[in-house]
């Protein structure tokens, strides 16, 4: 799973400069396993969150962009030079709609790296700016969370993905190893079960 998401970051680093007309870099920071509640608690408020329905898995995927990167991207897509607002605020419905152009590039890259493992189709299922309003799986369900650092021109921020177990279970065998990160520090008895 780590290698798949590292490849995804590399693919975005090559495609985003053409789309956004500026130097862009996406770096994989971490791949972790945690409860859904812990993932949501770790998100800033406000932020920009999209939920995508994923076929054929009948699951959802969460993609989150921090405000520090979402607003400069929106500004670039509207012809600006990548400036964000001076105050911290949630994105408006119109801004979320504009950001969908960027989201389509991200999801196309994500679908592409998954091709050897599964043929995915995604569709936007929802938009949110407040993490506490996001409920896609039960609070204690285990999810894989992937964190990236994104630089678009002078703007730096984060992007994260949340993959519920329901999305990973049908394809876990195609990874050639575990799709889940190792439980570092866990006893052999705990990992044997």
N, C-alpha and C. Protein backbone atom coordinates (compact mmCIF):
# COMPACT_ATOMS: atom_id res chain seq x y z
N UNK A 1 0.83 -1.19 0.00
CA UNK A 1 0.00 0.00 0.00
C UNK A 1 0.88 1.25 0.00
N UNK A 2 1.99 1.19 0.74
CA UNK A 2 2.90 2.33 0.77
C UNK A 2 3.45 2.62 -0.63
N UNK A 3 3.89 1.57 -1.34
CA UNK A 3 4.47 1.77 -2.67
C UNK A 3 3.43 2.32 -3.65
N UNK A 4 2.19 1.85 -3.55
CA UNK A 4 1.13 2.35 -4.42
C UNK A 4 0.91 3.85 -4.21
N UNK A 5 0.88 4.28 -2.96
CA UNK A 5 0.65 5.69 -2.66
C UNK A 5 1.87 6.56 -2.93
N UNK A 6 3.06 5.97 -2.84
CA UNK A 6 4.26 6.71 -3.23
C UNK A 6 4.25 6.94 -4.75
N UNK A 7 3.84 5.94 -5.50
CA UNK A 7 3.72 6.09 -6.95
C UNK A 7 2.66 7.15 -7.28
N UNK A 8 1.57 7.16 -6.54
CA UNK A 8 0.52 8.16 -6.73
C UNK A 8 1.09 9.57 -6.52
N UNK A 9 1.88 9.76 -5.47
CA UNK A 9 2.50 11.07 -5.21
C UNK A 9 3.42 11.47 -6.36
N UNK A 10 4.20 10.52 -6.85
CA UNK A 10 5.11 10.82 -7.97
C UNK A 10 4.33 11.18 -9.23
N UNK A 11 3.23 10.47 -9.50
CA UNK A 11 2.40 10.78 -10.66
C UNK A 11 1.80 12.18 -10.56
N UNK A 12 1.33 12.56 -9.37
CA UNK A 12 0.77 13.89 -9.18
C UNK A 12 1.85 14.96 -9.35
N UNK A 13 3.06 14.68 -8.86
CA UNK A 13 4.15 15.64 -9.00
C UNK A 13 4.43 15.91 -10.48
N UNK A 14 4.23 14.90 -11.35
CA UNK A 14 4.45 15.12 -12.79
C UNK A 14 3.26 15.79 -13.47
N UNK A 15 2.03 15.52 -13.04
CA UNK A 15 0.86 16.04 -13.76
C UNK A 15 0.38 17.41 -13.27
N UNK A 16 0.56 17.72 -12.00
CA UNK A 16 0.02 18.98 -11.47
C UNK A 16 0.65 20.24 -12.06
N UNK A 17 1.97 20.28 -12.33
CA UNK A 17 2.52 21.51 -12.91
C UNK A 17 1.83 21.90 -14.23
N UNK A 18 1.47 20.94 -15.05
CA UNK A 18 0.78 21.24 -16.30
C UNK A 18 -0.62 21.77 -16.04
N UNK A 19 -1.31 21.18 -15.07
CA UNK A 19 -2.68 21.58 -14.77
C UNK A 19 -2.74 22.94 -14.08
N UNK A 20 -1.83 23.18 -13.14
CA UNK A 20 -1.88 24.41 -12.33
C UNK A 20 -0.94 25.52 -12.83
N UNK A 21 -0.12 25.20 -13.82
CA UNK A 21 0.81 26.17 -14.42
C UNK A 21 1.79 26.75 -13.40
N UNK A 22 2.28 25.90 -12.53
CA UNK A 22 3.31 26.31 -11.58
C UNK A 22 4.03 25.06 -11.06
N UNK A 23 5.16 25.28 -10.43
CA UNK A 23 5.91 24.19 -9.83
C UNK A 23 5.05 23.56 -8.74
N UNK A 24 4.92 22.23 -8.80
CA UNK A 24 4.10 21.52 -7.83
C UNK A 24 4.83 20.26 -7.39
N UNK A 25 4.67 19.92 -6.13
CA UNK A 25 5.29 18.70 -5.62
C UNK A 25 4.39 18.06 -4.58
N UNK A 26 4.25 16.74 -4.67
CA UNK A 26 3.46 15.97 -3.71
C UNK A 26 4.39 14.92 -3.12
N UNK A 27 4.49 14.90 -1.80
CA UNK A 27 5.39 13.97 -1.10
C UNK A 27 4.58 13.13 -0.11
N UNK A 28 4.76 11.82 -0.21
CA UNK A 28 4.10 10.92 0.73
C UNK A 28 4.76 11.07 2.10
N UNK A 29 3.95 11.30 3.12
CA UNK A 29 4.45 11.47 4.49
C UNK A 29 4.28 10.18 5.29
N UNK A 30 3.06 9.60 5.26
CA UNK A 30 2.83 8.40 6.07
C UNK A 30 1.65 7.59 5.55
N UNK A 31 1.69 6.31 5.87
CA UNK A 31 0.58 5.39 5.67
C UNK A 31 0.36 4.74 7.02
N UNK A 32 -0.82 4.95 7.59
CA UNK A 32 -1.09 4.46 8.94
C UNK A 32 -2.42 3.74 9.00
N UNK A 33 -2.54 2.93 10.03
CA UNK A 33 -3.80 2.26 10.34
C UNK A 33 -4.28 2.86 11.66
N UNK A 34 -5.52 3.32 11.70
CA UNK A 34 -6.05 3.92 12.91
C UNK A 34 -7.57 3.84 12.87
N UNK A 35 -8.20 4.25 13.96
CA UNK A 35 -9.67 4.26 13.97
C UNK A 35 -10.14 5.47 13.18
N UNK A 36 -11.35 5.36 12.65
CA UNK A 36 -11.92 6.47 11.89
C UNK A 36 -12.02 7.72 12.77
N UNK A 37 -12.39 7.54 14.03
CA UNK A 37 -12.49 8.68 14.96
C UNK A 37 -11.16 9.40 15.07
N UNK A 38 -10.06 8.66 15.20
CA UNK A 38 -8.74 9.29 15.30
C UNK A 38 -8.39 10.06 14.03
N UNK A 39 -8.77 9.51 12.87
CA UNK A 39 -8.52 10.22 11.62
C UNK A 39 -9.25 11.56 11.61
N UNK A 40 -10.53 11.55 11.94
CA UNK A 40 -11.32 12.79 11.92
C UNK A 40 -10.79 13.79 12.93
N UNK A 41 -10.40 13.32 14.11
CA UNK A 41 -9.84 14.23 15.14
C UNK A 41 -8.57 14.90 14.67
N UNK A 42 -7.81 14.25 13.81
CA UNK A 42 -6.54 14.79 13.34
C UNK A 42 -6.68 15.83 12.24
N UNK A 43 -7.89 16.04 11.72
CA UNK A 43 -8.10 17.01 10.65
C UNK A 43 -8.28 18.40 11.23
N UNK A 44 -7.80 19.41 10.50
CA UNK A 44 -8.00 20.79 10.96
C UNK A 44 -9.44 21.22 10.68
N UNK A 45 -9.89 22.22 11.38
CA UNK A 45 -11.24 22.73 11.22
C UNK A 45 -11.16 24.24 11.07
N UNK A 46 -11.55 24.80 9.93
CA UNK A 46 -12.17 24.14 8.78
C UNK A 46 -11.12 23.52 7.86
N UNK A 47 -11.59 22.63 7.01
CA UNK A 47 -10.77 22.00 5.99
C UNK A 47 -11.68 21.74 4.79
N UNK A 48 -11.18 21.09 3.78
CA UNK A 48 -11.97 20.79 2.59
C UNK A 48 -11.96 19.28 2.39
N UNK A 49 -13.14 18.67 2.46
CA UNK A 49 -13.25 17.22 2.42
C UNK A 49 -14.23 16.81 1.33
N UNK A 50 -13.83 15.83 0.55
CA UNK A 50 -14.72 15.22 -0.45
C UNK A 50 -14.86 13.74 -0.11
N UNK A 51 -16.07 13.23 -0.18
CA UNK A 51 -16.27 11.79 -0.09
C UNK A 51 -16.61 11.31 -1.50
N UNK A 52 -15.99 10.23 -1.88
CA UNK A 52 -16.19 9.67 -3.21
C UNK A 52 -16.73 8.25 -3.08
N UNK A 53 -17.79 7.94 -3.79
CA UNK A 53 -18.25 6.56 -3.83
C UNK A 53 -17.33 5.82 -4.79
N UNK A 54 -16.97 4.59 -4.42
CA UNK A 54 -16.03 3.80 -5.20
C UNK A 54 -16.71 2.52 -5.65
N UNK A 55 -16.82 2.38 -6.97
CA UNK A 55 -17.37 1.15 -7.54
C UNK A 55 -16.19 0.36 -8.10
N UNK A 56 -16.20 -0.93 -8.09
CA UNK A 56 -17.30 -1.81 -7.74
C UNK A 56 -17.32 -2.20 -6.26
N UNK A 57 -16.50 -1.59 -5.42
CA UNK A 57 -16.38 -2.00 -4.02
C UNK A 57 -17.58 -1.61 -3.16
N UNK A 58 -18.43 -0.74 -3.64
CA UNK A 58 -19.55 -0.23 -2.84
C UNK A 58 -19.05 0.34 -1.52
N UNK A 59 -18.02 1.13 -1.65
CA UNK A 59 -17.40 1.74 -0.48
C UNK A 59 -17.22 3.23 -0.77
N UNK A 60 -16.60 3.92 0.17
CA UNK A 60 -16.30 5.34 -0.02
C UNK A 60 -14.82 5.58 0.25
N UNK A 61 -14.35 6.67 -0.30
CA UNK A 61 -12.97 7.13 -0.12
C UNK A 61 -13.08 8.58 0.30
N UNK A 62 -12.29 8.98 1.27
CA UNK A 62 -12.29 10.37 1.72
C UNK A 62 -10.99 11.02 1.26
N UNK A 63 -11.10 12.17 0.62
CA UNK A 63 -9.93 12.97 0.24
C UNK A 63 -10.08 14.33 0.91
N UNK A 64 -9.05 14.74 1.64
CA UNK A 64 -9.07 16.00 2.39
C UNK A 64 -7.90 16.87 1.95
N UNK A 65 -8.19 18.16 1.72
CA UNK A 65 -7.16 19.15 1.40
C UNK A 65 -7.18 20.21 2.49
N UNK A 66 -6.03 20.50 3.09
CA UNK A 66 -6.00 21.56 4.10
C UNK A 66 -6.31 22.90 3.44
N UNK A 67 -6.86 23.82 4.22
CA UNK A 67 -7.20 25.15 3.70
C UNK A 67 -5.98 25.87 3.14
N UNK A 68 -4.81 25.60 3.73
CA UNK A 68 -3.59 26.28 3.29
C UNK A 68 -3.17 25.90 1.88
N UNK A 69 -3.72 24.82 1.35
CA UNK A 69 -3.44 24.44 -0.03
C UNK A 69 -4.69 24.57 -0.90
N UNK A 70 -5.88 24.35 -0.33
CA UNK A 70 -7.12 24.41 -1.12
C UNK A 70 -7.36 25.80 -1.70
N UNK A 71 -7.22 26.84 -0.89
CA UNK A 71 -7.50 28.20 -1.38
C UNK A 71 -6.51 28.67 -2.44
N UNK A 72 -5.20 28.43 -2.30
CA UNK A 72 -4.30 28.79 -3.39
C UNK A 72 -4.61 28.04 -4.70
N UNK A 73 -5.04 26.78 -4.59
CA UNK A 73 -5.41 26.04 -5.79
C UNK A 73 -6.64 26.68 -6.43
N UNK A 74 -7.64 27.00 -5.62
CA UNK A 74 -8.85 27.66 -6.14
C UNK A 74 -8.47 28.96 -6.83
N UNK A 75 -7.60 29.75 -6.21
CA UNK A 75 -7.16 31.03 -6.79
C UNK A 75 -6.49 30.80 -8.14
N UNK A 76 -5.64 29.79 -8.24
CA UNK A 76 -4.97 29.47 -9.51
C UNK A 76 -5.97 29.05 -10.58
N UNK A 77 -6.95 28.22 -10.18
CA UNK A 77 -7.94 27.76 -11.14
C UNK A 77 -8.82 28.90 -11.66
N UNK A 78 -8.93 29.97 -10.89
CA UNK A 78 -9.70 31.13 -11.31
C UNK A 78 -8.84 32.19 -11.98
N UNK A 79 -7.57 31.84 -12.27
CA UNK A 79 -6.69 32.75 -13.01
C UNK A 79 -5.77 33.60 -12.15
N UNK A 80 -5.80 33.41 -10.83
CA UNK A 80 -4.94 34.18 -9.94
C UNK A 80 -3.54 33.58 -9.86
N UNK A 81 -2.74 34.13 -8.95
CA UNK A 81 -1.36 33.66 -8.80
C UNK A 81 -1.16 32.73 -7.61
N UNK A 82 -2.25 32.23 -7.04
CA UNK A 82 -2.14 31.24 -5.98
C UNK A 82 -2.18 31.79 -4.58
N UNK A 83 -2.87 32.90 -4.38
CA UNK A 83 -3.00 33.49 -3.05
C UNK A 83 -4.22 32.92 -2.34
N UNK A 84 -4.11 32.77 -1.03
CA UNK A 84 -5.24 32.33 -0.22
C UNK A 84 -5.84 33.52 0.51
N UNK A 85 -6.97 33.31 1.20
CA UNK A 85 -7.58 34.41 1.97
C UNK A 85 -6.71 34.76 3.18
N UNK A 86 -6.89 35.97 3.67
CA UNK A 86 -6.11 36.42 4.84
C UNK A 86 -6.63 35.80 6.14
N UNK A 87 -7.91 35.45 6.18
CA UNK A 87 -8.48 34.88 7.40
C UNK A 87 -8.79 33.39 7.18
N UNK A 88 -8.82 32.65 8.29
CA UNK A 88 -9.17 31.23 8.22
C UNK A 88 -10.69 31.13 8.17
N UNK A 89 -11.18 30.45 7.13
CA UNK A 89 -12.62 30.31 6.96
C UNK A 89 -12.90 29.06 6.13
N UNK A 90 -14.11 28.52 6.24
CA UNK A 90 -14.46 27.38 5.39
C UNK A 90 -14.66 27.84 3.94
N UNK A 91 -14.45 26.94 3.02
CA UNK A 91 -14.70 27.22 1.61
C UNK A 91 -16.21 27.33 1.38
N UNK A 92 -16.60 28.19 0.45
CA UNK A 92 -18.00 28.32 0.08
C UNK A 92 -18.38 27.18 -0.87
N UNK A 93 -19.68 27.01 -1.12
CA UNK A 93 -20.14 25.99 -2.06
C UNK A 93 -19.54 26.23 -3.45
N UNK A 94 -19.47 27.49 -3.86
CA UNK A 94 -18.88 27.81 -5.17
C UNK A 94 -17.40 27.44 -5.22
N UNK A 95 -16.67 27.74 -4.15
CA UNK A 95 -15.24 27.39 -4.10
C UNK A 95 -15.05 25.87 -4.11
N UNK A 96 -15.90 25.15 -3.40
CA UNK A 96 -15.82 23.69 -3.41
C UNK A 96 -16.07 23.14 -4.81
N UNK A 97 -17.00 23.76 -5.54
CA UNK A 97 -17.29 23.34 -6.91
C UNK A 97 -16.10 23.61 -7.82
N UNK A 98 -15.45 24.76 -7.65
CA UNK A 98 -14.26 25.09 -8.46
C UNK A 98 -13.14 24.09 -8.17
N UNK A 99 -12.96 23.71 -6.92
CA UNK A 99 -11.90 22.78 -6.53
C UNK A 99 -12.13 21.39 -7.11
N UNK A 100 -13.33 21.09 -7.55
CA UNK A 100 -13.61 19.79 -8.16
C UNK A 100 -12.78 19.56 -9.42
N UNK A 101 -12.36 20.63 -10.11
CA UNK A 101 -11.48 20.48 -11.27
C UNK A 101 -10.14 19.88 -10.85
N UNK A 102 -9.61 20.35 -9.75
CA UNK A 102 -8.37 19.80 -9.20
C UNK A 102 -8.61 18.38 -8.70
N UNK A 103 -9.73 18.16 -8.04
CA UNK A 103 -10.07 16.83 -7.53
C UNK A 103 -10.13 15.81 -8.67
N UNK A 104 -10.62 16.22 -9.83
CA UNK A 104 -10.70 15.28 -10.95
C UNK A 104 -9.32 14.83 -11.41
N UNK A 105 -8.33 15.71 -11.34
CA UNK A 105 -6.95 15.33 -11.68
C UNK A 105 -6.41 14.36 -10.63
N UNK A 106 -6.69 14.63 -9.36
CA UNK A 106 -6.24 13.77 -8.27
C UNK A 106 -6.87 12.38 -8.39
N UNK A 107 -8.18 12.32 -8.60
CA UNK A 107 -8.84 11.02 -8.68
C UNK A 107 -8.42 10.24 -9.93
N UNK A 108 -8.19 10.94 -11.05
CA UNK A 108 -7.73 10.25 -12.26
C UNK A 108 -6.37 9.60 -12.00
N UNK A 109 -5.48 10.32 -11.30
CA UNK A 109 -4.18 9.75 -10.94
C UNK A 109 -4.30 8.58 -9.99
N UNK A 110 -5.26 8.66 -9.08
CA UNK A 110 -5.46 7.59 -8.10
C UNK A 110 -6.00 6.33 -8.78
N UNK A 111 -6.97 6.51 -9.65
CA UNK A 111 -7.54 5.38 -10.40
C UNK A 111 -6.45 4.71 -11.23
N UNK A 112 -5.57 5.51 -11.82
CA UNK A 112 -4.50 4.98 -12.66
C UNK A 112 -3.53 4.07 -11.89
N UNK A 113 -3.13 4.47 -10.67
CA UNK A 113 -2.19 3.63 -9.92
C UNK A 113 -2.86 2.37 -9.36
N UNK A 114 -4.17 2.36 -9.27
CA UNK A 114 -4.90 1.19 -8.80
C UNK A 114 -5.14 0.16 -9.90
N UNK A 115 -4.96 0.54 -11.17
CA UNK A 115 -5.29 -0.35 -12.30
C UNK A 115 -4.73 -1.76 -12.18
N UNK A 116 -3.48 -1.98 -11.73
CA UNK A 116 -3.00 -3.35 -11.62
C UNK A 116 -3.73 -4.18 -10.55
N UNK A 117 -4.44 -3.51 -9.65
CA UNK A 117 -5.09 -4.19 -8.53
C UNK A 117 -6.61 -4.25 -8.65
N UNK A 118 -7.20 -3.19 -9.19
CA UNK A 118 -8.66 -3.12 -9.32
C UNK A 118 -9.03 -1.99 -10.27
N UNK A 119 -10.11 -2.19 -10.99
CA UNK A 119 -10.62 -1.13 -11.86
C UNK A 119 -11.63 -0.33 -11.05
N UNK A 120 -11.22 0.87 -10.65
CA UNK A 120 -12.07 1.70 -9.81
C UNK A 120 -12.81 2.74 -10.64
N UNK A 121 -13.99 3.06 -10.19
CA UNK A 121 -14.74 4.19 -10.72
C UNK A 121 -15.19 5.01 -9.52
N UNK A 122 -14.98 6.31 -9.61
CA UNK A 122 -15.35 7.17 -8.47
C UNK A 122 -16.36 8.22 -8.90
N UNK A 123 -17.13 8.64 -7.93
CA UNK A 123 -18.09 9.72 -8.14
C UNK A 123 -18.20 10.49 -6.84
N UNK A 124 -18.27 11.81 -6.93
CA UNK A 124 -18.39 12.62 -5.72
C UNK A 124 -19.72 12.32 -5.03
N UNK A 125 -19.62 11.93 -3.77
CA UNK A 125 -20.82 11.61 -2.98
C UNK A 125 -21.16 12.74 -2.01
N UNK A 126 -20.16 13.55 -1.63
CA UNK A 126 -20.42 14.64 -0.70
C UNK A 126 -19.24 15.57 -0.55
N UNK A 127 -19.52 16.75 0.01
CA UNK A 127 -18.50 17.77 0.29
C UNK A 127 -18.72 18.25 1.71
N UNK A 128 -17.64 18.55 2.39
CA UNK A 128 -17.77 19.01 3.77
C UNK A 128 -16.60 19.91 4.11
N UNK A 129 -16.81 20.86 5.01
CA UNK A 129 -15.73 21.72 5.48
C UNK A 129 -15.47 21.55 6.98
N UNK A 130 -16.36 20.87 7.66
CA UNK A 130 -16.21 20.62 9.10
C UNK A 130 -16.01 19.12 9.33
N UNK A 131 -14.83 18.70 9.79
CA UNK A 131 -14.56 17.27 9.96
C UNK A 131 -15.57 16.55 10.84
N UNK A 132 -16.04 17.20 11.91
CA UNK A 132 -16.96 16.54 12.83
C UNK A 132 -18.29 16.20 12.18
N UNK A 133 -18.59 16.79 11.01
CA UNK A 133 -19.84 16.50 10.30
C UNK A 133 -19.69 15.32 9.34
N UNK A 134 -18.48 14.82 9.20
CA UNK A 134 -18.19 13.74 8.26
C UNK A 134 -18.37 12.38 8.94
N UNK A 135 -19.30 11.58 8.44
CA UNK A 135 -19.51 10.24 9.00
C UNK A 135 -19.68 9.26 7.85
N UNK A 136 -18.60 8.55 7.51
CA UNK A 136 -18.65 7.62 6.38
C UNK A 136 -18.59 6.16 6.82
N UNK A 137 -18.04 5.90 8.00
CA UNK A 137 -17.99 4.56 8.57
C UNK A 137 -18.21 4.70 10.07
N UNK A 138 -18.50 3.60 10.78
CA UNK A 138 -18.66 3.68 12.24
C UNK A 138 -17.39 4.25 12.90
N UNK A 139 -17.54 4.98 14.01
CA UNK A 139 -16.41 5.66 14.64
C UNK A 139 -15.21 4.78 14.96
N UNK A 140 -15.43 3.55 15.40
CA UNK A 140 -14.31 2.69 15.80
C UNK A 140 -13.78 1.80 14.69
N UNK A 141 -14.32 1.94 13.48
CA UNK A 141 -13.84 1.11 12.38
C UNK A 141 -12.40 1.48 12.03
N UNK A 142 -11.61 0.47 11.71
CA UNK A 142 -10.22 0.68 11.34
C UNK A 142 -10.16 1.15 9.88
N UNK A 143 -9.35 2.18 9.66
CA UNK A 143 -9.15 2.72 8.32
C UNK A 143 -7.66 2.86 8.06
N UNK A 144 -7.31 2.88 6.79
CA UNK A 144 -5.93 3.22 6.41
C UNK A 144 -5.95 4.70 6.06
N UNK A 145 -5.02 5.45 6.64
CA UNK A 145 -4.93 6.88 6.35
C UNK A 145 -3.58 7.17 5.72
N UNK A 146 -3.62 7.96 4.67
CA UNK A 146 -2.41 8.28 3.92
C UNK A 146 -2.27 9.80 3.94
N UNK A 147 -1.10 10.29 4.34
CA UNK A 147 -0.87 11.73 4.45
C UNK A 147 0.21 12.16 3.46
N UNK A 148 -0.02 13.31 2.85
CA UNK A 148 0.90 13.88 1.88
C UNK A 148 1.19 15.33 2.22
N UNK A 149 2.37 15.79 1.86
CA UNK A 149 2.66 17.22 1.88
C UNK A 149 2.57 17.68 0.43
N UNK A 150 1.87 18.78 0.21
CA UNK A 150 1.65 19.30 -1.14
C UNK A 150 2.21 20.71 -1.21
N UNK A 151 2.99 20.98 -2.24
CA UNK A 151 3.47 22.33 -2.49
C UNK A 151 3.03 22.73 -3.89
N UNK A 152 2.30 23.84 -3.97
CA UNK A 152 1.83 24.40 -5.23
C UNK A 152 2.37 25.83 -5.28
N UNK A 153 3.38 26.07 -6.11
CA UNK A 153 4.01 27.38 -6.12
C UNK A 153 4.61 27.65 -4.75
N UNK A 154 4.23 28.77 -4.13
CA UNK A 154 4.74 29.11 -2.79
C UNK A 154 3.88 28.54 -1.67
N UNK A 155 2.73 28.00 -1.99
CA UNK A 155 1.81 27.50 -0.96
C UNK A 155 2.15 26.07 -0.58
N UNK A 156 2.12 25.80 0.73
CA UNK A 156 2.35 24.46 1.25
C UNK A 156 1.17 24.06 2.11
N UNK A 157 0.79 22.79 2.02
CA UNK A 157 -0.29 22.29 2.84
C UNK A 157 -0.29 20.78 2.83
N UNK A 158 -1.37 20.21 3.30
CA UNK A 158 -1.45 18.76 3.38
C UNK A 158 -2.66 18.24 2.62
N UNK A 159 -2.56 16.99 2.25
CA UNK A 159 -3.66 16.26 1.64
C UNK A 159 -3.68 14.91 2.34
N UNK A 160 -4.86 14.38 2.60
CA UNK A 160 -4.93 13.06 3.21
C UNK A 160 -6.03 12.25 2.54
N UNK A 161 -5.85 10.94 2.58
CA UNK A 161 -6.84 10.00 2.09
C UNK A 161 -7.21 9.07 3.24
N UNK A 162 -8.46 8.69 3.30
CA UNK A 162 -8.94 7.75 4.29
C UNK A 162 -9.59 6.60 3.54
N UNK A 163 -9.04 5.41 3.70
CA UNK A 163 -9.53 4.22 3.01
C UNK A 163 -10.15 3.27 4.02
N UNK A 164 -11.47 3.10 4.01
CA UNK A 164 -12.10 2.13 4.92
C UNK A 164 -11.69 0.71 4.56
N UNK A 165 -11.75 -0.17 5.52
CA UNK A 165 -11.40 -1.57 5.32
C UNK A 165 -12.23 -2.18 4.19
N UNK A 166 -13.50 -1.77 4.05
CA UNK A 166 -14.38 -2.30 3.01
C UNK A 166 -13.82 -2.04 1.61
N UNK A 167 -13.06 -0.99 1.46
CA UNK A 167 -12.44 -0.68 0.16
C UNK A 167 -11.22 -1.56 -0.09
N UNK A 168 -10.47 -1.88 0.97
CA UNK A 168 -9.23 -2.62 0.82
C UNK A 168 -9.40 -4.14 0.81
N UNK A 169 -10.38 -4.67 1.55
CA UNK A 169 -10.51 -6.12 1.68
C UNK A 169 -10.62 -6.87 0.35
N UNK A 170 -11.40 -6.39 -0.63
CA UNK A 170 -11.51 -7.16 -1.87
C UNK A 170 -10.22 -7.24 -2.68
N UNK A 171 -9.27 -6.35 -2.45
CA UNK A 171 -8.06 -6.32 -3.27
C UNK A 171 -6.78 -6.58 -2.49
N UNK A 172 -6.88 -6.86 -1.20
CA UNK A 172 -5.69 -7.00 -0.35
C UNK A 172 -4.73 -8.08 -0.88
N UNK A 173 -5.25 -9.15 -1.45
CA UNK A 173 -4.38 -10.22 -1.95
C UNK A 173 -3.57 -9.81 -3.17
N UNK A 174 -4.01 -8.79 -3.90
CA UNK A 174 -3.28 -8.37 -5.11
C UNK A 174 -2.04 -7.55 -4.80
N UNK A 175 -1.86 -7.16 -3.54
CA UNK A 175 -0.69 -6.36 -3.18
C UNK A 175 0.57 -7.19 -2.99
N UNK A 176 0.46 -8.52 -2.93
CA UNK A 176 1.63 -9.37 -2.78
C UNK A 176 2.16 -9.38 -1.35
N UNK A 177 1.57 -8.65 -0.49
CA UNK A 177 1.92 -8.57 0.93
C UNK A 177 0.73 -7.92 1.60
N UNK A 178 0.92 -7.46 2.76
CA UNK A 178 -0.19 -6.84 3.47
C UNK A 178 -0.45 -5.45 2.95
N UNK A 179 -1.72 -5.10 2.81
CA UNK A 179 -2.10 -3.75 2.42
C UNK A 179 -2.08 -2.83 3.63
N UNK A 180 -2.02 -3.42 4.80
CA UNK A 180 -2.06 -2.64 6.02
C UNK A 180 -0.65 -2.44 6.55
N UNK A 181 -0.37 -1.28 7.14
CA UNK A 181 0.95 -1.06 7.70
C UNK A 181 1.23 -2.01 8.86
N UNK A 182 2.48 -2.31 9.07
CA UNK A 182 2.85 -3.18 10.19
C UNK A 182 2.53 -2.50 11.51
N UNK A 183 2.16 -3.29 12.49
CA UNK A 183 1.91 -2.77 13.83
C UNK A 183 3.24 -2.72 14.57
N UNK A 184 3.92 -1.60 14.44
CA UNK A 184 5.23 -1.49 15.07
C UNK A 184 5.08 -1.51 16.58
N UNK A 185 5.92 -2.26 17.22
CA UNK A 185 5.91 -2.33 18.67
C UNK A 185 4.90 -3.31 19.23
N UNK A 186 4.10 -3.95 18.39
CA UNK A 186 3.12 -4.91 18.87
C UNK A 186 3.82 -6.23 19.17
N UNK A 187 3.31 -6.93 20.15
CA UNK A 187 3.90 -8.21 20.51
C UNK A 187 3.59 -9.25 19.43
N UNK A 188 4.40 -10.29 19.30
CA UNK A 188 4.12 -11.35 18.31
C UNK A 188 2.76 -11.99 18.53
N UNK A 189 2.31 -12.10 19.79
CA UNK A 189 1.01 -12.70 20.08
C UNK A 189 -0.11 -11.82 19.51
N UNK A 190 0.06 -10.50 19.62
CA UNK A 190 -0.98 -9.57 19.14
C UNK A 190 -1.08 -9.58 17.63
N UNK A 191 0.03 -9.74 16.94
CA UNK A 191 0.00 -9.72 15.48
C UNK A 191 -0.33 -11.08 14.89
N UNK A 192 -0.25 -12.14 15.68
CA UNK A 192 -0.53 -13.49 15.19
C UNK A 192 -2.03 -13.74 15.02
N UNK A 193 -2.86 -13.02 15.76
CA UNK A 193 -4.31 -13.27 15.69
C UNK A 193 -4.95 -12.63 14.49
